[in-house]
mmCIF file of all heavy atoms, coordinates in Angstrom:
data_MODEL
# 
_entry.id   MODEL 
# 
loop_
_atom_site.group_PDB 
_atom_site.id 
_atom_site.type_symbol 
_atom_site.label_atom_id 
_atom_site.label_alt_id 
_atom_site.label_comp_id 
_atom_site.label_asym_id 
_atom_site.label_entity_id 
_atom_site.label_seq_id 
_atom_site.pdbx_PDB_ins_code 
_atom_site.Cartn_x 
_atom_site.Cartn_y 
_atom_site.Cartn_z 
_atom_site.occupancy 
_atom_site.B_iso_or_equiv 
_atom_site.pdbx_formal_charge 
_atom_site.auth_seq_id 
_atom_site.auth_comp_id 
_atom_site.auth_asym_id 
_atom_site.auth_atom_id 
_atom_site.pdbx_PDB_model_num 
ATOM 1   N N   . VAL A 1 1  ? 19.564 -103.861 -32.154 1.00 0.00 ? 1  VAL A N   1 
ATOM 2   C CA  . VAL A 1 1  ? 20.627 -103.859 -31.061 1.00 0.00 ? 1  VAL A CA  1 
ATOM 3   C C   . VAL A 1 1  ? 19.717 -104.153 -29.765 1.00 0.00 ? 1  VAL A C   1 
ATOM 4   O O   . VAL A 1 1  ? 18.829 -103.352 -29.410 1.00 0.00 ? 1  VAL A O   1 
ATOM 5   C CB  . VAL A 1 1  ? 21.408 -102.657 -30.945 1.00 0.00 ? 1  VAL A CB  1 
ATOM 6   C CG1 . VAL A 1 1  ? 22.444 -102.851 -29.825 1.00 0.00 ? 1  VAL A CG1 1 
ATOM 7   C CG2 . VAL A 1 1  ? 22.161 -102.501 -32.268 1.00 0.00 ? 1  VAL A CG2 1 
ATOM 8   N N   . ASP A 1 2  ? 20.159 -105.148 -28.883 1.00 0.00 ? 2  ASP A N   1 
ATOM 9   C CA  . ASP A 1 2  ? 19.520 -105.401 -27.671 1.00 0.00 ? 2  ASP A CA  1 
ATOM 10  C C   . ASP A 1 2  ? 20.505 -104.809 -26.718 1.00 0.00 ? 2  ASP A C   1 
ATOM 11  O O   . ASP A 1 2  ? 21.792 -105.323 -26.716 1.00 0.00 ? 2  ASP A O   1 
ATOM 12  C CB  . ASP A 1 2  ? 19.312 -106.884 -27.508 1.00 0.00 ? 2  ASP A CB  1 
ATOM 13  C CG  . ASP A 1 2  ? 18.193 -107.448 -28.289 1.00 0.00 ? 2  ASP A CG  1 
ATOM 14  O OD1 . ASP A 1 2  ? 17.203 -106.723 -28.423 1.00 0.00 ? 2  ASP A OD1 1 
ATOM 15  O OD2 . ASP A 1 2  ? 18.463 -108.541 -28.822 1.00 0.00 ? 2  ASP A OD2 1 
ATOM 16  N N   . VAL A 1 3  ? 20.062 -104.174 -25.693 1.00 0.00 ? 3  VAL A N   1 
ATOM 17  C CA  . VAL A 1 3  ? 20.986 -103.672 -24.609 1.00 0.00 ? 3  VAL A CA  1 
ATOM 18  C C   . VAL A 1 3  ? 20.340 -104.077 -23.304 1.00 0.00 ? 3  VAL A C   1 
ATOM 19  O O   . VAL A 1 3  ? 19.130 -103.890 -23.154 1.00 0.00 ? 3  VAL A O   1 
ATOM 20  C CB  . VAL A 1 3  ? 21.023 -101.981 -24.563 1.00 0.00 ? 3  VAL A CB  1 
ATOM 21  C CG1 . VAL A 1 3  ? 21.927 -101.568 -23.503 1.00 0.00 ? 3  VAL A CG1 1 
ATOM 22  C CG2 . VAL A 1 3  ? 21.425 -101.515 -25.998 1.00 0.00 ? 3  VAL A CG2 1 
ATOM 23  N N   . THR A 1 4  ? 21.162 -104.827 -22.526 1.00 0.00 ? 4  THR A N   1 
ATOM 24  C CA  . THR A 1 4  ? 20.678 -105.430 -21.240 1.00 0.00 ? 4  THR A CA  1 
ATOM 25  C C   . THR A 1 4  ? 21.432 -104.899 -20.130 1.00 0.00 ? 4  THR A C   1 
ATOM 26  O O   . THR A 1 4  ? 22.615 -104.824 -20.143 1.00 0.00 ? 4  THR A O   1 
ATOM 27  C CB  . THR A 1 4  ? 20.803 -106.926 -21.353 1.00 0.00 ? 4  THR A CB  1 
ATOM 28  O OG1 . THR A 1 4  ? 20.169 -107.311 -22.560 1.00 0.00 ? 4  THR A OG1 1 
ATOM 29  C CG2 . THR A 1 4  ? 20.146 -107.672 -20.108 1.00 0.00 ? 4  THR A CG2 1 
ATOM 30  N N   . ARG A 1 5  ? 20.788 -104.551 -19.009 1.00 0.00 ? 5  ARG A N   1 
ATOM 31  C CA  . ARG A 1 5  ? 21.422 -104.072 -17.875 1.00 0.00 ? 5  ARG A CA  1 
ATOM 32  C C   . ARG A 1 5  ? 22.297 -105.170 -17.339 1.00 0.00 ? 5  ARG A C   1 
ATOM 33  O O   . ARG A 1 5  ? 21.901 -106.295 -17.023 1.00 0.00 ? 5  ARG A O   1 
ATOM 34  C CB  . ARG A 1 5  ? 20.242 -103.628 -16.799 1.00 0.00 ? 5  ARG A CB  1 
ATOM 35  C CG  . ARG A 1 5  ? 21.001 -102.854 -15.618 1.00 0.00 ? 5  ARG A CG  1 
ATOM 36  C CD  . ARG A 1 5  ? 19.952 -102.476 -14.654 1.00 0.00 ? 5  ARG A CD  1 
ATOM 37  N NE  . ARG A 1 5  ? 18.960 -101.522 -15.189 1.00 0.00 ? 5  ARG A NE  1 
ATOM 38  C CZ  . ARG A 1 5  ? 19.222 -100.201 -15.282 1.00 0.00 ? 5  ARG A CZ  1 
ATOM 39  N NH1 . ARG A 1 5  ? 20.349 -99.654  -15.070 1.00 0.00 ? 5  ARG A NH1 1 
ATOM 40  N NH2 . ARG A 1 5  ? 18.329 -99.414  -15.881 1.00 0.00 ? 5  ARG A NH2 1 
ATOM 41  N N   . GLY A 1 6  ? 23.481 -104.727 -17.072 1.00 0.00 ? 6  GLY A N   1 
ATOM 42  C CA  . GLY A 1 6  ? 24.530 -105.749 -16.656 1.00 0.00 ? 6  GLY A CA  1 
ATOM 43  C C   . GLY A 1 6  ? 24.797 -105.306 -15.176 1.00 0.00 ? 6  GLY A C   1 
ATOM 44  O O   . GLY A 1 6  ? 23.955 -104.738 -14.444 1.00 0.00 ? 6  GLY A O   1 
ATOM 45  N N   . SER A 1 7  ? 25.985 -105.813 -14.687 1.00 0.00 ? 7  SER A N   1 
ATOM 46  C CA  . SER A 1 7  ? 26.357 -105.453 -13.279 1.00 0.00 ? 7  SER A CA  1 
ATOM 47  C C   . SER A 1 7  ? 27.394 -104.341 -13.462 1.00 0.00 ? 7  SER A C   1 
ATOM 48  O O   . SER A 1 7  ? 28.398 -104.474 -13.976 1.00 0.00 ? 7  SER A O   1 
ATOM 49  C CB  . SER A 1 7  ? 27.036 -106.783 -12.626 1.00 0.00 ? 7  SER A CB  1 
ATOM 50  O OG  . SER A 1 7  ? 28.078 -107.191 -13.367 1.00 0.00 ? 7  SER A OG  1 
ATOM 51  N N   . GLY A 1 8  ? 27.069 -103.269 -12.652 1.00 0.00 ? 8  GLY A N   1 
ATOM 52  C CA  . GLY A 1 8  ? 28.062 -102.127 -12.563 1.00 0.00 ? 8  GLY A CA  1 
ATOM 53  C C   . GLY A 1 8  ? 28.196 -101.452 -13.896 1.00 0.00 ? 8  GLY A C   1 
ATOM 54  O O   . GLY A 1 8  ? 27.400 -100.955 -14.576 1.00 0.00 ? 8  GLY A O   1 
ATOM 55  N N   . TRP A 1 9  ? 29.549 -101.494 -14.406 1.00 0.00 ? 9  TRP A N   1 
ATOM 56  C CA  . TRP A 1 9  ? 30.099 -100.617 -15.469 1.00 0.00 ? 9  TRP A CA  1 
ATOM 57  C C   . TRP A 1 9  ? 30.219 -101.536 -16.696 1.00 0.00 ? 9  TRP A C   1 
ATOM 58  O O   . TRP A 1 9  ? 31.077 -101.274 -17.519 1.00 0.00 ? 9  TRP A O   1 
ATOM 59  C CB  . TRP A 1 9  ? 31.184 -99.930  -15.091 1.00 0.00 ? 9  TRP A CB  1 
ATOM 60  C CG  . TRP A 1 9  ? 31.062 -98.902  -14.158 1.00 0.00 ? 9  TRP A CG  1 
ATOM 61  C CD1 . TRP A 1 9  ? 31.044 -98.910  -12.783 1.00 0.00 ? 9  TRP A CD1 1 
ATOM 62  C CD2 . TRP A 1 9  ? 30.539 -97.496  -14.493 1.00 0.00 ? 9  TRP A CD2 1 
ATOM 63  N NE1 . TRP A 1 9  ? 30.551 -97.840  -12.282 1.00 0.00 ? 9  TRP A NE1 1 
ATOM 64  C CE2 . TRP A 1 9  ? 30.358 -96.838  -13.249 1.00 0.00 ? 9  TRP A CE2 1 
ATOM 65  C CE3 . TRP A 1 9  ? 30.285 -96.782  -15.741 1.00 0.00 ? 9  TRP A CE3 1 
ATOM 66  C CZ2 . TRP A 1 9  ? 30.043 -95.645  -13.243 1.00 0.00 ? 9  TRP A CZ2 1 
ATOM 67  C CZ3 . TRP A 1 9  ? 29.914 -95.490  -15.613 1.00 0.00 ? 9  TRP A CZ3 1 
ATOM 68  C CH2 . TRP A 1 9  ? 29.716 -94.902  -14.363 1.00 0.00 ? 9  TRP A CH2 1 
ATOM 69  N N   . ALA A 1 10 ? 29.365 -102.603 -16.750 1.00 0.00 ? 10 ALA A N   1 
ATOM 70  C CA  . ALA A 1 10 ? 29.450 -103.411 -17.966 1.00 0.00 ? 10 ALA A CA  1 
ATOM 71  C C   . ALA A 1 10 ? 28.076 -103.808 -18.558 1.00 0.00 ? 10 ALA A C   1 
ATOM 72  O O   . ALA A 1 10 ? 27.244 -104.143 -17.737 1.00 0.00 ? 10 ALA A O   1 
ATOM 73  C CB  . ALA A 1 10 ? 30.230 -104.876 -17.700 1.00 0.00 ? 10 ALA A CB  1 
ATOM 74  N N   . THR A 1 11 ? 27.729 -103.394 -19.707 1.00 0.00 ? 11 THR A N   1 
ATOM 75  C CA  . THR A 1 11 ? 26.444 -103.650 -20.321 1.00 0.00 ? 11 THR A CA  1 
ATOM 76  C C   . THR A 1 11 ? 26.488 -104.690 -21.486 1.00 0.00 ? 11 THR A C   1 
ATOM 77  O O   . THR A 1 11 ? 27.156 -104.233 -22.479 1.00 0.00 ? 11 THR A O   1 
ATOM 78  C CB  . THR A 1 11 ? 25.815 -102.339 -20.671 1.00 0.00 ? 11 THR A CB  1 
ATOM 79  O OG1 . THR A 1 11 ? 25.802 -101.411 -19.556 1.00 0.00 ? 11 THR A OG1 1 
ATOM 80  C CG2 . THR A 1 11 ? 24.451 -102.445 -21.200 1.00 0.00 ? 11 THR A CG2 1 
ATOM 81  N N   . PRO A 1 12 ? 25.848 -105.686 -21.354 1.00 0.00 ? 12 PRO A N   1 
ATOM 82  C CA  . PRO A 1 12 ? 25.869 -106.655 -22.510 1.00 0.00 ? 12 PRO A CA  1 
ATOM 83  C C   . PRO A 1 12 ? 25.012 -106.135 -23.677 1.00 0.00 ? 12 PRO A C   1 
ATOM 84  O O   . PRO A 1 12 ? 24.019 -105.529 -23.406 1.00 0.00 ? 12 PRO A O   1 
ATOM 85  C CB  . PRO A 1 12 ? 25.239 -108.008 -21.961 1.00 0.00 ? 12 PRO A CB  1 
ATOM 86  C CG  . PRO A 1 12 ? 25.243 -107.806 -20.455 1.00 0.00 ? 12 PRO A CG  1 
ATOM 87  C CD  . PRO A 1 12 ? 25.307 -106.278 -20.110 1.00 0.00 ? 12 PRO A CD  1 
ATOM 88  N N   . ILE A 1 13 ? 25.462 -106.204 -24.800 1.00 0.00 ? 13 ILE A N   1 
ATOM 89  C CA  . ILE A 1 13 ? 24.802 -105.895 -26.039 1.00 0.00 ? 13 ILE A CA  1 
ATOM 90  C C   . ILE A 1 13 ? 24.684 -107.031 -26.977 1.00 0.00 ? 13 ILE A C   1 
ATOM 91  O O   . ILE A 1 13 ? 25.608 -107.815 -27.064 1.00 0.00 ? 13 ILE A O   1 
ATOM 92  C CB  . ILE A 1 13 ? 25.236 -104.528 -26.713 1.00 0.00 ? 13 ILE A CB  1 
ATOM 93  C CG1 . ILE A 1 13 ? 26.608 -104.784 -27.206 1.00 0.00 ? 13 ILE A CG1 1 
ATOM 94  C CG2 . ILE A 1 13 ? 25.100 -103.419 -25.932 1.00 0.00 ? 13 ILE A CG2 1 
ATOM 95  C CD1 . ILE A 1 13 ? 27.231 -103.728 -28.047 1.00 0.00 ? 13 ILE A CD1 1 
ATOM 96  N N   . HIS A 1 14 ? 23.620 -107.005 -27.921 1.00 0.00 ? 14 HIS A N   1 
ATOM 97  C CA  . HIS A 1 14 ? 23.632 -108.017 -28.892 1.00 0.00 ? 14 HIS A CA  1 
ATOM 98  C C   . HIS A 1 14 ? 23.226 -107.179 -30.178 1.00 0.00 ? 14 HIS A C   1 
ATOM 99  O O   . HIS A 1 14 ? 22.292 -106.618 -30.248 1.00 0.00 ? 14 HIS A O   1 
ATOM 100 C CB  . HIS A 1 14 ? 22.414 -109.095 -28.609 1.00 0.00 ? 14 HIS A CB  1 
ATOM 101 C CG  . HIS A 1 14 ? 22.231 -110.070 -29.756 1.00 0.00 ? 14 HIS A CG  1 
ATOM 102 N ND1 . HIS A 1 14 ? 23.010 -111.211 -29.916 1.00 0.00 ? 14 HIS A ND1 1 
ATOM 103 C CD2 . HIS A 1 14 ? 21.356 -110.053 -30.721 1.00 0.00 ? 14 HIS A CD2 1 
ATOM 104 C CE1 . HIS A 1 14 ? 22.715 -111.789 -30.920 1.00 0.00 ? 14 HIS A CE1 1 
ATOM 105 N NE2 . HIS A 1 14 ? 21.693 -111.246 -31.468 1.00 0.00 ? 14 HIS A NE2 1 
ATOM 106 N N   . VAL A 1 15 ? 24.120 -107.432 -31.183 1.00 0.00 ? 15 VAL A N   1 
ATOM 107 C CA  . VAL A 1 15 ? 24.052 -106.752 -32.493 1.00 0.00 ? 15 VAL A CA  1 
ATOM 108 C C   . VAL A 1 15 ? 23.599 -107.696 -33.436 1.00 0.00 ? 15 VAL A C   1 
ATOM 109 O O   . VAL A 1 15 ? 24.333 -108.705 -33.693 1.00 0.00 ? 15 VAL A O   1 
ATOM 110 C CB  . VAL A 1 15 ? 25.286 -105.962 -32.863 1.00 0.00 ? 15 VAL A CB  1 
ATOM 111 C CG1 . VAL A 1 15 ? 25.126 -105.322 -34.277 1.00 0.00 ? 15 VAL A CG1 1 
ATOM 112 C CG2 . VAL A 1 15 ? 25.677 -105.004 -31.764 1.00 0.00 ? 15 VAL A CG2 1 
ATOM 113 N N   . ARG A 1 16 ? 22.519 -107.409 -34.224 1.00 0.00 ? 16 ARG A N   1 
ATOM 114 C CA  . ARG A 1 16 ? 22.210 -108.249 -35.289 1.00 0.00 ? 16 ARG A CA  1 
ATOM 115 C C   . ARG A 1 16 ? 21.795 -107.398 -36.559 1.00 0.00 ? 16 ARG A C   1 
ATOM 116 O O   . ARG A 1 16 ? 21.095 -106.342 -36.490 1.00 0.00 ? 16 ARG A O   1 
ATOM 117 C CB  . ARG A 1 16 ? 20.844 -108.973 -34.907 1.00 0.00 ? 16 ARG A CB  1 
ATOM 118 C CG  . ARG A 1 16 ? 20.261 -109.692 -36.105 1.00 0.00 ? 16 ARG A CG  1 
ATOM 119 C CD  . ARG A 1 16 ? 18.886 -110.511 -35.512 1.00 0.00 ? 16 ARG A CD  1 
ATOM 120 N NE  . ARG A 1 16 ? 18.074 -111.071 -36.573 1.00 0.00 ? 16 ARG A NE  1 
ATOM 121 C CZ  . ARG A 1 16 ? 18.247 -112.345 -37.003 1.00 0.00 ? 16 ARG A CZ  1 
ATOM 122 N NH1 . ARG A 1 16 ? 19.079 -113.082 -36.551 1.00 0.00 ? 16 ARG A NH1 1 
ATOM 123 N NH2 . ARG A 1 16 ? 17.468 -112.751 -38.018 1.00 0.00 ? 16 ARG A NH2 1 
ATOM 124 N N   . ALA A 1 17 ? 22.322 -107.720 -37.655 1.00 0.00 ? 17 ALA A N   1 
ATOM 125 C CA  . ALA A 1 17 ? 22.171 -107.051 -38.905 1.00 0.00 ? 17 ALA A CA  1 
ATOM 126 C C   . ALA A 1 17 ? 21.697 -107.987 -39.970 1.00 0.00 ? 17 ALA A C   1 
ATOM 127 O O   . ALA A 1 17 ? 22.442 -109.131 -40.159 1.00 0.00 ? 17 ALA A O   1 
ATOM 128 C CB  . ALA A 1 17 ? 23.379 -106.259 -39.402 1.00 0.00 ? 17 ALA A CB  1 
ATOM 129 N N   . VAL A 1 18 ? 20.710 -107.743 -40.836 1.00 0.00 ? 18 VAL A N   1 
ATOM 130 C CA  . VAL A 1 18 ? 20.227 -108.633 -41.756 1.00 0.00 ? 18 VAL A CA  1 
ATOM 131 C C   . VAL A 1 18 ? 19.979 -107.965 -43.009 1.00 0.00 ? 18 VAL A C   1 
ATOM 132 O O   . VAL A 1 18 ? 19.574 -106.848 -43.166 1.00 0.00 ? 18 VAL A O   1 
ATOM 133 C CB  . VAL A 1 18 ? 18.739 -109.285 -41.369 1.00 0.00 ? 18 VAL A CB  1 
ATOM 134 C CG1 . VAL A 1 18 ? 18.281 -110.281 -42.273 1.00 0.00 ? 18 VAL A CG1 1 
ATOM 135 C CG2 . VAL A 1 18 ? 18.921 -109.859 -40.008 1.00 0.00 ? 18 VAL A CG2 1 
ATOM 136 N N   . ALA A 1 19 ? 20.493 -108.521 -44.130 1.00 0.00 ? 19 ALA A N   1 
ATOM 137 C CA  . ALA A 1 19 ? 20.313 -108.077 -45.444 1.00 0.00 ? 19 ALA A CA  1 
ATOM 138 C C   . ALA A 1 19 ? 19.861 -109.213 -46.332 1.00 0.00 ? 19 ALA A C   1 
ATOM 139 O O   . ALA A 1 19 ? 20.215 -110.403 -46.001 1.00 0.00 ? 19 ALA A O   1 
ATOM 140 C CB  . ALA A 1 19 ? 21.589 -107.346 -45.981 1.00 0.00 ? 19 ALA A CB  1 
ATOM 141 N N   . LYS A 1 20 ? 19.243 -108.960 -47.570 1.00 0.00 ? 20 LYS A N   1 
ATOM 142 C CA  . LYS A 1 20 ? 19.017 -109.909 -48.528 1.00 0.00 ? 20 LYS A CA  1 
ATOM 143 C C   . LYS A 1 20 ? 20.127 -110.165 -49.323 1.00 0.00 ? 20 LYS A C   1 
ATOM 144 O O   . LYS A 1 20 ? 20.804 -109.267 -49.699 1.00 0.00 ? 20 LYS A O   1 
ATOM 145 C CB  . LYS A 1 20 ? 17.732 -109.598 -49.324 1.00 0.00 ? 20 LYS A CB  1 
ATOM 146 C CG  . LYS A 1 20 ? 16.450 -109.549 -48.621 1.00 0.00 ? 20 LYS A CG  1 
ATOM 147 C CD  . LYS A 1 20 ? 16.135 -110.933 -48.256 1.00 0.00 ? 20 LYS A CD  1 
ATOM 148 C CE  . LYS A 1 20 ? 14.795 -111.027 -47.573 1.00 0.00 ? 20 LYS A CE  1 
ATOM 149 N NZ  . LYS A 1 20 ? 14.367 -112.449 -47.075 1.00 0.00 ? 20 LYS A NZ  1 
ATOM 150 N N   . GLU A 1 21 ? 20.521 -111.375 -49.658 1.00 0.00 ? 21 GLU A N   1 
ATOM 151 C CA  . GLU A 1 21 ? 21.764 -111.716 -50.459 1.00 0.00 ? 21 GLU A CA  1 
ATOM 152 C C   . GLU A 1 21 ? 21.321 -112.353 -51.866 1.00 0.00 ? 21 GLU A C   1 
ATOM 153 O O   . GLU A 1 21 ? 20.505 -113.249 -51.900 1.00 0.00 ? 21 GLU A O   1 
ATOM 154 C CB  . GLU A 1 21 ? 22.528 -112.903 -49.699 1.00 0.00 ? 21 GLU A CB  1 
ATOM 155 C CG  . GLU A 1 21 ? 23.829 -113.049 -50.171 1.00 0.00 ? 21 GLU A CG  1 
ATOM 156 C CD  . GLU A 1 21 ? 24.781 -112.180 -49.752 1.00 0.00 ? 21 GLU A CD  1 
ATOM 157 O OE1 . GLU A 1 21 ? 24.626 -111.067 -49.100 1.00 0.00 ? 21 GLU A OE1 1 
ATOM 158 O OE2 . GLU A 1 21 ? 26.022 -112.380 -50.036 1.00 0.00 ? 21 GLU A OE2 1 
ATOM 159 N N   . GLY A 1 22 ? 21.684 -111.643 -52.889 1.00 0.00 ? 22 GLY A N   1 
ATOM 160 C CA  . GLY A 1 22 ? 21.335 -112.015 -54.267 1.00 0.00 ? 22 GLY A CA  1 
ATOM 161 C C   . GLY A 1 22 ? 22.494 -113.011 -54.850 1.00 0.00 ? 22 GLY A C   1 
ATOM 162 O O   . GLY A 1 22 ? 23.252 -113.619 -54.111 1.00 0.00 ? 22 GLY A O   1 
ATOM 163 N N   . LEU A 1 23 ? 22.565 -112.777 -56.121 1.00 0.00 ? 23 LEU A N   1 
ATOM 164 C CA  . LEU A 1 23 ? 23.595 -113.670 -56.762 1.00 0.00 ? 23 LEU A CA  1 
ATOM 165 C C   . LEU A 1 23 ? 24.984 -113.330 -56.492 1.00 0.00 ? 23 LEU A C   1 
ATOM 166 O O   . LEU A 1 23 ? 25.887 -114.072 -56.384 1.00 0.00 ? 23 LEU A O   1 
ATOM 167 C CB  . LEU A 1 23 ? 23.365 -113.689 -58.344 1.00 0.00 ? 23 LEU A CB  1 
ATOM 168 C CG  . LEU A 1 23 ? 22.019 -114.197 -58.818 1.00 0.00 ? 23 LEU A CG  1 
ATOM 169 C CD1 . LEU A 1 23 ? 21.961 -114.060 -60.295 1.00 0.00 ? 23 LEU A CD1 1 
ATOM 170 C CD2 . LEU A 1 23 ? 22.193 -115.708 -58.514 1.00 0.00 ? 23 LEU A CD2 1 
ATOM 171 N N   . ILE A 1 24 ? 25.182 -112.016 -56.356 1.00 0.00 ? 24 ILE A N   1 
ATOM 172 C CA  . ILE A 1 24 ? 26.577 -111.446 -55.961 1.00 0.00 ? 24 ILE A CA  1 
ATOM 173 C C   . ILE A 1 24 ? 26.574 -111.308 -54.470 1.00 0.00 ? 24 ILE A C   1 
ATOM 174 O O   . ILE A 1 24 ? 25.852 -110.465 -53.747 1.00 0.00 ? 24 ILE A O   1 
ATOM 175 C CB  . ILE A 1 24 ? 26.748 -109.941 -56.597 1.00 0.00 ? 24 ILE A CB  1 
ATOM 176 C CG1 . ILE A 1 24 ? 26.590 -110.149 -58.103 1.00 0.00 ? 24 ILE A CG1 1 
ATOM 177 C CG2 . ILE A 1 24 ? 27.987 -109.388 -56.072 1.00 0.00 ? 24 ILE A CG2 1 
ATOM 178 C CD1 . ILE A 1 24 ? 26.695 -108.762 -58.767 1.00 0.00 ? 24 ILE A CD1 1 
ATOM 179 N N   . LYS A 1 25 ? 27.547 -112.140 -53.919 1.00 0.00 ? 25 LYS A N   1 
ATOM 180 C CA  . LYS A 1 25 ? 27.540 -112.136 -52.456 1.00 0.00 ? 25 LYS A CA  1 
ATOM 181 C C   . LYS A 1 25 ? 28.261 -110.956 -51.880 1.00 0.00 ? 25 LYS A C   1 
ATOM 182 O O   . LYS A 1 25 ? 29.436 -110.773 -52.061 1.00 0.00 ? 25 LYS A O   1 
ATOM 183 C CB  . LYS A 1 25 ? 28.419 -113.483 -51.996 1.00 0.00 ? 25 LYS A CB  1 
ATOM 184 C CG  . LYS A 1 25 ? 27.660 -114.694 -52.463 1.00 0.00 ? 25 LYS A CG  1 
ATOM 185 C CD  . LYS A 1 25 ? 26.330 -114.917 -52.165 1.00 0.00 ? 25 LYS A CD  1 
ATOM 186 C CE  . LYS A 1 25 ? 25.776 -116.214 -52.628 1.00 0.00 ? 25 LYS A CE  1 
ATOM 187 N NZ  . LYS A 1 25 ? 24.294 -116.210 -52.845 1.00 0.00 ? 25 LYS A NZ  1 
ATOM 188 N N   . GLN A 1 26 ? 27.504 -110.027 -51.243 1.00 0.00 ? 26 GLN A N   1 
ATOM 189 C CA  . GLN A 1 26 ? 28.155 -108.772 -50.731 1.00 0.00 ? 26 GLN A CA  1 
ATOM 190 C C   . GLN A 1 26 ? 28.228 -108.926 -49.182 1.00 0.00 ? 26 GLN A C   1 
ATOM 191 O O   . GLN A 1 26 ? 28.979 -108.142 -48.567 1.00 0.00 ? 26 GLN A O   1 
ATOM 192 C CB  . GLN A 1 26 ? 27.157 -107.623 -50.974 1.00 0.00 ? 26 GLN A CB  1 
ATOM 193 C CG  . GLN A 1 26 ? 26.978 -107.317 -52.380 1.00 0.00 ? 26 GLN A CG  1 
ATOM 194 C CD  . GLN A 1 26 ? 25.985 -106.272 -52.688 1.00 0.00 ? 26 GLN A CD  1 
ATOM 195 O OE1 . GLN A 1 26 ? 26.034 -105.302 -51.781 1.00 0.00 ? 26 GLN A OE1 1 
ATOM 196 N NE2 . GLN A 1 26 ? 25.134 -106.306 -53.663 1.00 0.00 ? 26 GLN A NE2 1 
ATOM 197 N N   . ARG A 1 27 ? 27.694 -109.805 -48.544 1.00 0.00 ? 27 ARG A N   1 
ATOM 198 C CA  . ARG A 1 27 ? 27.912 -110.092 -47.175 1.00 0.00 ? 27 ARG A CA  1 
ATOM 199 C C   . ARG A 1 27 ? 27.399 -108.807 -46.285 1.00 0.00 ? 27 ARG A C   1 
ATOM 200 O O   . ARG A 1 27 ? 28.125 -108.393 -45.304 1.00 0.00 ? 27 ARG A O   1 
ATOM 201 C CB  . ARG A 1 27 ? 29.233 -110.549 -46.668 1.00 0.00 ? 27 ARG A CB  1 
ATOM 202 C CG  . ARG A 1 27 ? 29.781 -111.663 -47.414 1.00 0.00 ? 27 ARG A CG  1 
ATOM 203 C CD  . ARG A 1 27 ? 29.055 -112.984 -46.832 1.00 0.00 ? 27 ARG A CD  1 
ATOM 204 N NE  . ARG A 1 27 ? 29.870 -114.102 -47.662 1.00 0.00 ? 27 ARG A NE  1 
ATOM 205 C CZ  . ARG A 1 27 ? 29.235 -114.887 -48.527 1.00 0.00 ? 27 ARG A CZ  1 
ATOM 206 N NH1 . ARG A 1 27 ? 28.070 -114.524 -48.971 1.00 0.00 ? 27 ARG A NH1 1 
ATOM 207 N NH2 . ARG A 1 27 ? 29.823 -115.976 -49.115 1.00 0.00 ? 27 ARG A NH2 1 
ATOM 208 N N   . ALA A 1 28 ? 26.453 -108.101 -46.809 1.00 0.00 ? 28 ALA A N   1 
ATOM 209 C CA  . ALA A 1 28 ? 26.076 -106.829 -46.203 1.00 0.00 ? 28 ALA A CA  1 
ATOM 210 C C   . ALA A 1 28 ? 25.568 -106.942 -44.783 1.00 0.00 ? 28 ALA A C   1 
ATOM 211 O O   . ALA A 1 28 ? 25.830 -106.037 -44.095 1.00 0.00 ? 28 ALA A O   1 
ATOM 212 C CB  . ALA A 1 28 ? 24.903 -106.172 -47.160 1.00 0.00 ? 28 ALA A CB  1 
# 
């Protein structure tokens, strides 16, 4: 998670989640 200083009372965030995907697609 990236948290960046925004203006005033709003803070931009970037959420990234990564998992390995095998034969059964779990979309983890």
